[in-house]
Amino acid sequence: MRLHNLRPRHGSRHRVKRLGCGESSGHGKTSGKGHKGQKARSGGSIRLGFEGGQMPLIRRLPKRGFNNAAFHKHYAIVNLDDLNAFKAGTVVNEQLLRESNLVRGHFAGIKILGGGELKHGLTVEADKVSASARGKIEKAGGSIALRDERTSQATASHDDGELAPQKAPAAAKRRSTAKAAARAKPPKKKTPRKS
């Protein structure tokens, strides 16, 4: 077989449909558009779901119940194959992944999936890690730092045990002063209505 012998597979290419070339062409006169009407005009197309002015089905059907789609969190997916581009011992975080164009756009967090094999050890910072990805990272001598764990530890370290008892009496004091003020107000006198 030579380059000049190459031909497309039989049946893969079709004759061009020639429109408006006379009635003998098979697609002459109305060019396959029928007679008149909106769909026969140039640029005359009907949008999806349009039913000729009739109330469309999507508006006729009742809509009830709760839809969780509005609260769905979108995670940027990164496979282990993609992490092989980084050198051994690198700390792979969101900033590094954005700089290397492995993740783009807006997302709730990063999820590492176990697609492929990791060749060397890396420290991976992500929000979610699949079980297979965790096993492969640890097998390659790397480690995983979940973002949720770091943030919860940071908030726990900032909360001091001494501050809690100080806040409680202040709140109780406010409540007691509000009650005392309410008691001190004289009751309103009822005035008779003039008819």
Protein backbone atom coordinates (compact mmCIF):
# COMPACT_ATOMS: atom_id res chain seq x y z
CA MET A 1 0.00 0.00 0.00
CA ARG A 2 1.27 3.46 -0.97
CA LEU A 3 0.13 6.96 -0.07
CA HIS A 4 -1.33 7.45 -3.57
CA ASN A 5 -3.34 4.21 -3.13
CA LEU A 6 -5.06 5.28 0.11
CA ARG A 7 -8.82 5.61 -0.20
CA PRO A 8 -11.52 6.26 2.40
CA ARG A 9 -13.43 3.23 3.66
CA HIS A 10 -16.35 2.30 1.42
CA GLY A 11 -19.54 4.02 2.63
CA SER A 12 -17.74 6.46 4.96
CA ARG A 13 -18.05 9.39 2.52
CA HIS A 14 -21.27 10.41 0.78
CA ARG A 15 -22.15 12.46 -2.25
CA VAL A 16 -22.85 16.10 -1.41
CA LYS A 17 -26.58 16.84 -1.21
CA ARG A 18 -27.11 19.46 -3.94
CA LEU A 19 -30.10 21.67 -3.21
CA GLY A 20 -32.14 23.83 -5.59
CA CYS A 21 -30.59 22.48 -8.79
CA GLY A 22 -33.84 21.66 -10.58
CA GLU A 23 -36.46 18.99 -10.02
CA SER A 24 -34.40 16.26 -11.67
CA SER A 25 -31.77 16.53 -8.92
CA GLY A 26 -34.15 14.93 -6.43
CA HIS A 27 -33.88 17.94 -4.11
CA GLY A 28 -35.00 20.69 -6.44
CA LYS A 29 -37.70 23.35 -6.20
CA THR A 30 -38.34 23.50 -2.43
CA SER A 31 -34.88 22.04 -1.57
CA GLY A 32 -36.28 19.54 0.93
CA LYS A 33 -38.06 22.22 3.00
CA GLY A 34 -41.64 21.51 1.93
CA HIS A 35 -44.13 24.26 1.11
CA LYS A 36 -44.01 27.61 2.91
CA GLY A 37 -44.36 28.05 6.65
CA GLN A 38 -41.90 29.13 9.34
CA LYS A 39 -39.51 26.21 8.81
CA ALA A 40 -39.28 26.87 5.06
CA ARG A 41 -37.90 30.41 5.52
CA SER A 42 -34.22 31.24 5.73
CA GLY A 43 -33.23 31.51 9.38
CA GLY A 44 -36.62 30.19 10.42
CA SER A 45 -35.92 27.81 13.26
CA ILE A 46 -37.97 26.89 16.34
CA ARG A 47 -36.35 26.88 19.75
CA LEU A 48 -36.22 23.77 21.89
CA GLY A 49 -39.47 23.16 23.79
CA PHE A 50 -41.54 25.63 21.72
CA GLU A 51 -45.04 24.29 21.03
CA GLY A 52 -46.45 26.94 18.68
CA GLY A 53 -47.62 29.29 21.45
CA GLN A 54 -49.33 26.55 23.44
CA MET A 55 -48.25 26.36 27.07
CA PRO A 56 -45.13 24.15 26.84
CA LEU A 57 -44.86 20.87 28.71
CA ILE A 58 -42.06 22.10 30.98
CA ARG A 59 -44.41 24.84 32.28
CA ARG A 60 -47.48 22.61 32.48
CA LEU A 61 -45.86 20.05 34.80
CA PRO A 62 -46.04 20.81 38.54
CA LYS A 63 -42.77 21.47 40.33
CA ARG A 64 -42.59 20.25 43.91
CA GLY A 65 -40.07 19.07 46.41
CA PHE A 66 -36.50 19.82 47.29
CA ASN A 67 -33.70 19.80 44.74
CA ASN A 68 -30.19 19.31 46.04
CA ALA A 69 -28.54 20.51 42.82
CA ALA A 70 -28.22 24.07 44.13
CA PHE A 71 -26.06 22.83 47.03
CA HIS A 72 -23.88 20.48 44.98
CA LYS A 73 -20.15 20.97 45.52
CA HIS A 74 -17.94 20.76 42.46
CA TYR A 75 -14.44 19.36 43.04
CA ALA A 76 -11.50 19.71 40.65
CA ILE A 77 -10.30 16.19 39.74
CA VAL A 78 -6.58 15.37 39.59
CA ASN A 79 -5.27 11.88 38.76
CA LEU A 80 -1.97 10.44 39.98
CA ASP A 81 -0.67 10.37 36.38
CA ASP A 82 -0.79 14.18 36.35
CA LEU A 83 1.33 14.42 39.53
CA ASN A 84 4.29 12.64 37.90
CA ALA A 85 5.22 16.00 36.32
CA PHE A 86 6.45 17.26 39.72
CA LYS A 87 9.85 16.38 41.23
CA ALA A 88 10.18 14.01 44.19
CA GLY A 89 9.52 15.63 47.57
CA THR A 90 7.46 18.52 46.12
CA VAL A 91 4.51 19.84 48.16
CA VAL A 92 1.61 19.71 45.72
CA ASN A 93 -1.12 22.20 46.67
CA GLU A 94 -3.83 24.19 44.89
CA GLN A 95 -1.50 27.07 44.00
CA LEU A 96 1.02 24.73 42.33
CA LEU A 97 -1.73 22.87 40.46
CA ARG A 98 -3.14 26.16 39.15
CA GLU A 99 0.29 27.36 38.03
CA SER A 100 0.84 24.11 36.11
CA ASN A 101 -2.71 24.38 34.56
CA LEU A 102 -3.82 21.03 36.01
CA VAL A 103 -6.85 22.73 37.61
CA ARG A 104 -8.73 25.80 36.40
CA GLY A 105 -11.84 27.80 37.25
CA HIS A 106 -14.01 27.87 40.38
CA PHE A 107 -14.44 24.79 42.58
CA ALA A 108 -15.13 23.85 46.19
CA GLY A 109 -11.90 21.85 46.55
CA ILE A 110 -9.47 19.39 44.98
CA LYS A 111 -10.01 15.63 44.85
CA ILE A 112 -7.14 13.23 44.08
CA LEU A 113 -8.12 10.06 42.18
CA GLY A 114 -6.01 6.94 41.70
CA GLY A 115 -5.76 6.99 37.88
CA GLY A 116 -2.30 5.71 36.86
CA GLU A 117 0.78 5.10 38.99
CA LEU A 118 2.86 7.55 41.03
CA LYS A 119 6.59 7.18 40.30
CA HIS A 120 8.02 9.06 43.31
CA GLY A 121 7.02 10.39 46.73
CA LEU A 122 5.10 13.69 47.01
CA THR A 123 3.36 15.60 49.77
CA VAL A 124 -0.18 16.16 48.50
CA GLU A 125 -2.50 18.80 50.00
CA ALA A 126 -6.11 18.24 48.94
CA ASP A 127 -9.69 18.27 50.23
CA LYS A 128 -10.55 14.68 49.26
CA VAL A 129 -8.51 11.61 48.34
CA SER A 130 -9.84 8.30 47.03
CA ALA A 131 -8.82 5.10 48.83
CA SER A 132 -6.84 3.82 45.81
CA ALA A 133 -4.99 7.15 45.45
CA ARG A 134 -4.11 7.17 49.17
CA GLY A 135 -2.67 3.68 48.95
CA LYS A 136 -0.58 4.47 45.87
CA ILE A 137 0.77 7.74 47.31
CA GLU A 138 1.82 6.07 50.56
CA LYS A 139 3.31 3.14 48.65
CA ALA A 140 5.46 5.56 46.61
CA GLY A 141 6.75 7.10 49.87
CA GLY A 142 4.57 10.21 49.83
CA SER A 143 2.11 11.67 52.31
CA ILE A 144 -1.35 13.27 52.26
CA ALA A 145 -2.47 16.38 54.14
CA LEU A 146 -6.24 16.94 54.05
CA ARG A 147 -7.27 20.59 54.16
CA ASP A 148 -10.28 20.00 56.47
CA GLU A 149 -8.05 18.46 59.16
CA ARG A 150 -5.64 21.41 59.03
CA THR A 151 -8.39 24.02 59.37
CA SER A 152 -10.10 22.18 62.26
CA GLN A 153 -6.77 21.86 64.13
CA ALA A 154 -6.06 25.56 63.60
CA THR A 155 -9.43 26.62 64.99
CA ALA A 156 -9.04 24.27 67.96
CA SER A 157 -5.63 25.76 68.82
CA HIS A 158 -7.02 29.34 68.70
CA ASP A 159 -9.83 28.54 71.14
CA ASP A 160 -8.49 29.10 74.71
CA GLY A 161 -10.20 27.44 77.65
CA GLU A 162 -10.03 30.65 79.75
CA LEU A 163 -12.08 32.75 77.32
CA ALA A 164 -15.25 30.62 77.52
CA PRO A 165 -16.09 31.25 81.18
CA GLN A 166 -15.51 35.03 80.75
CA LYS A 167 -18.00 35.26 77.87
CA ALA A 168 -20.80 33.44 79.70
CA PRO A 169 -21.21 35.92 82.64
CA ALA A 170 -21.28 38.89 80.22
CA ALA A 171 -24.17 37.33 78.29
CA ALA A 172 -25.97 36.50 81.55
CA LYS A 173 -25.45 40.09 82.77
CA ARG A 174 -27.02 41.46 79.56
CA ARG A 175 -30.04 39.20 79.98
CA SER A 176 -30.53 40.22 83.64
CA THR A 177 -30.31 43.97 82.81
CA ALA A 178 -32.88 43.54 80.01
CA LYS A 179 -35.27 41.76 82.40
CA ALA A 180 -34.81 44.48 85.04
CA ALA A 181 -35.53 47.21 82.45
CA ALA A 182 -38.69 45.37 81.35
CA ARG A 183 -39.92 45.18 84.97
CA ALA A 184 -39.13 48.86 85.66
CA LYS A 185 -41.37 50.14 82.80
CA PRO A 186 -44.77 51.29 84.09
CA PRO A 187 -47.77 49.59 82.49
CA LYS A 188 -49.61 51.57 79.81
CA LYS A 189 -52.95 53.07 80.84
CA LYS A 190 -55.93 52.21 78.72
CA THR A 191 -57.72 55.30 77.45
CA PRO A 192 -61.41 55.05 76.58
CA ARG A 193 -62.26 55.64 72.95
CA LYS A 194 -64.44 58.59 72.13
CA SER A 195 -67.39 57.64 69.96
